[in-house]
Amino acid sequence: MPDVDLNFLARQNERILHDLAGVRDELRLQGSMIMRLEGIVASLSEQVHVVHNQVGRINDWLRKLEEAQP
């Protein structure tokens, strides 16, 4: 086993800190992506609700037209 001195430990410590900074940046990026996707899903859910209501109104309108025909 090679001798371990303080310089070696300092370099290893710096490497670990650099790797941790990269992981932290990656987690921050993924968190922002999740937040953006959450907003998109909420918007899509609202749009589906609006379209559902619109289809219901169109169905009511068609039913009234069909009932009005002799």
Protein backbone atom coordinates (compact mmCIF):
# COMPACT_ATOMS: atom_id res chain seq x y z
CA MET A 1 0.00 0.00 0.00
CA PRO A 2 1.48 3.38 -0.97
CA ASP A 3 2.28 5.93 1.66
CA VAL A 4 -0.50 8.42 2.28
CA ASP A 5 0.62 11.95 3.06
CA LEU A 6 -1.26 15.18 3.69
CA ASN A 7 -0.85 16.36 0.08
CA PHE A 8 -2.49 13.19 -1.20
CA LEU A 9 -5.36 13.59 1.25
CA ALA A 10 -5.76 17.26 0.31
CA ARG A 11 -5.97 16.37 -3.41
CA GLN A 12 -8.50 13.64 -2.69
CA ASN A 13 -10.52 16.04 -0.57
CA GLU A 14 -10.52 18.63 -3.38
CA ARG A 15 -11.63 15.97 -5.89
CA ILE A 16 -14.47 14.89 -3.63
CA LEU A 17 -15.60 18.49 -3.10
CA HIS A 18 -15.51 19.08 -6.86
CA ASP A 19 -17.58 15.94 -7.46
CA LEU A 20 -20.08 17.00 -4.81
CA ALA A 21 -20.45 20.42 -6.44
CA GLY A 22 -21.27 18.66 -9.72
CA VAL A 23 -23.87 16.47 -8.02
CA ARG A 24 -25.36 19.53 -6.32
CA ASP A 25 -25.61 21.35 -9.67
CA GLU A 26 -27.22 18.31 -11.28
CA LEU A 27 -29.80 18.05 -8.47
CA ARG A 28 -30.59 21.76 -8.78
CA LEU A 29 -31.09 21.34 -12.54
CA GLN A 30 -33.32 18.29 -12.12
CA GLY A 31 -35.35 20.07 -9.45
CA SER A 32 -36.01 23.00 -11.76
CA MET A 33 -37.00 20.61 -14.55
CA ILE A 34 -39.47 18.88 -12.22
CA MET A 35 -40.96 22.21 -11.16
CA ARG A 36 -41.39 23.21 -14.81
CA LEU A 37 -43.03 19.86 -15.62
CA GLU A 38 -45.32 20.24 -12.62
CA GLY A 39 -46.49 23.59 -14.01
CA ILE A 40 -47.06 22.05 -17.44
CA VAL A 41 -49.12 19.21 -15.95
CA ALA A 42 -51.25 21.68 -13.97
CA SER A 43 -51.83 23.74 -17.11
CA LEU A 44 -52.76 20.66 -19.15
CA SER A 45 -55.16 19.54 -16.44
CA GLU A 46 -56.88 22.92 -16.53
CA GLN A 47 -57.07 22.81 -20.33
CA VAL A 48 -58.63 19.33 -20.26
CA HIS A 49 -61.22 20.58 -17.77
CA VAL A 50 -62.08 23.54 -20.03
CA VAL A 51 -62.35 21.33 -23.11
CA HIS A 52 -64.56 18.89 -21.19
CA ASN A 53 -66.91 21.74 -20.26
CA GLN A 54 -66.90 22.99 -23.84
CA VAL A 55 -67.80 19.51 -25.19
CA GLY A 56 -70.63 19.33 -22.67
CA ARG A 57 -72.01 22.66 -23.88
CA ILE A 58 -71.76 21.54 -27.51
CA ASN A 59 -73.59 18.31 -26.66
CA ASP A 60 -76.35 20.31 -24.93
CA TRP A 61 -76.61 22.61 -27.94
CA LEU A 62 -76.84 19.63 -30.36
CA ARG A 63 -79.46 17.93 -28.19
CA LYS A 64 -81.60 21.07 -28.26
CA LEU A 65 -81.26 21.28 -32.04
CA GLU A 66 -82.27 17.62 -32.41
CA GLU A 67 -85.29 18.11 -30.14
CA ALA A 68 -86.37 21.19 -32.10
CA GLN A 69 -86.53 19.27 -35.39
CA PRO A 70 -89.97 17.92 -36.35
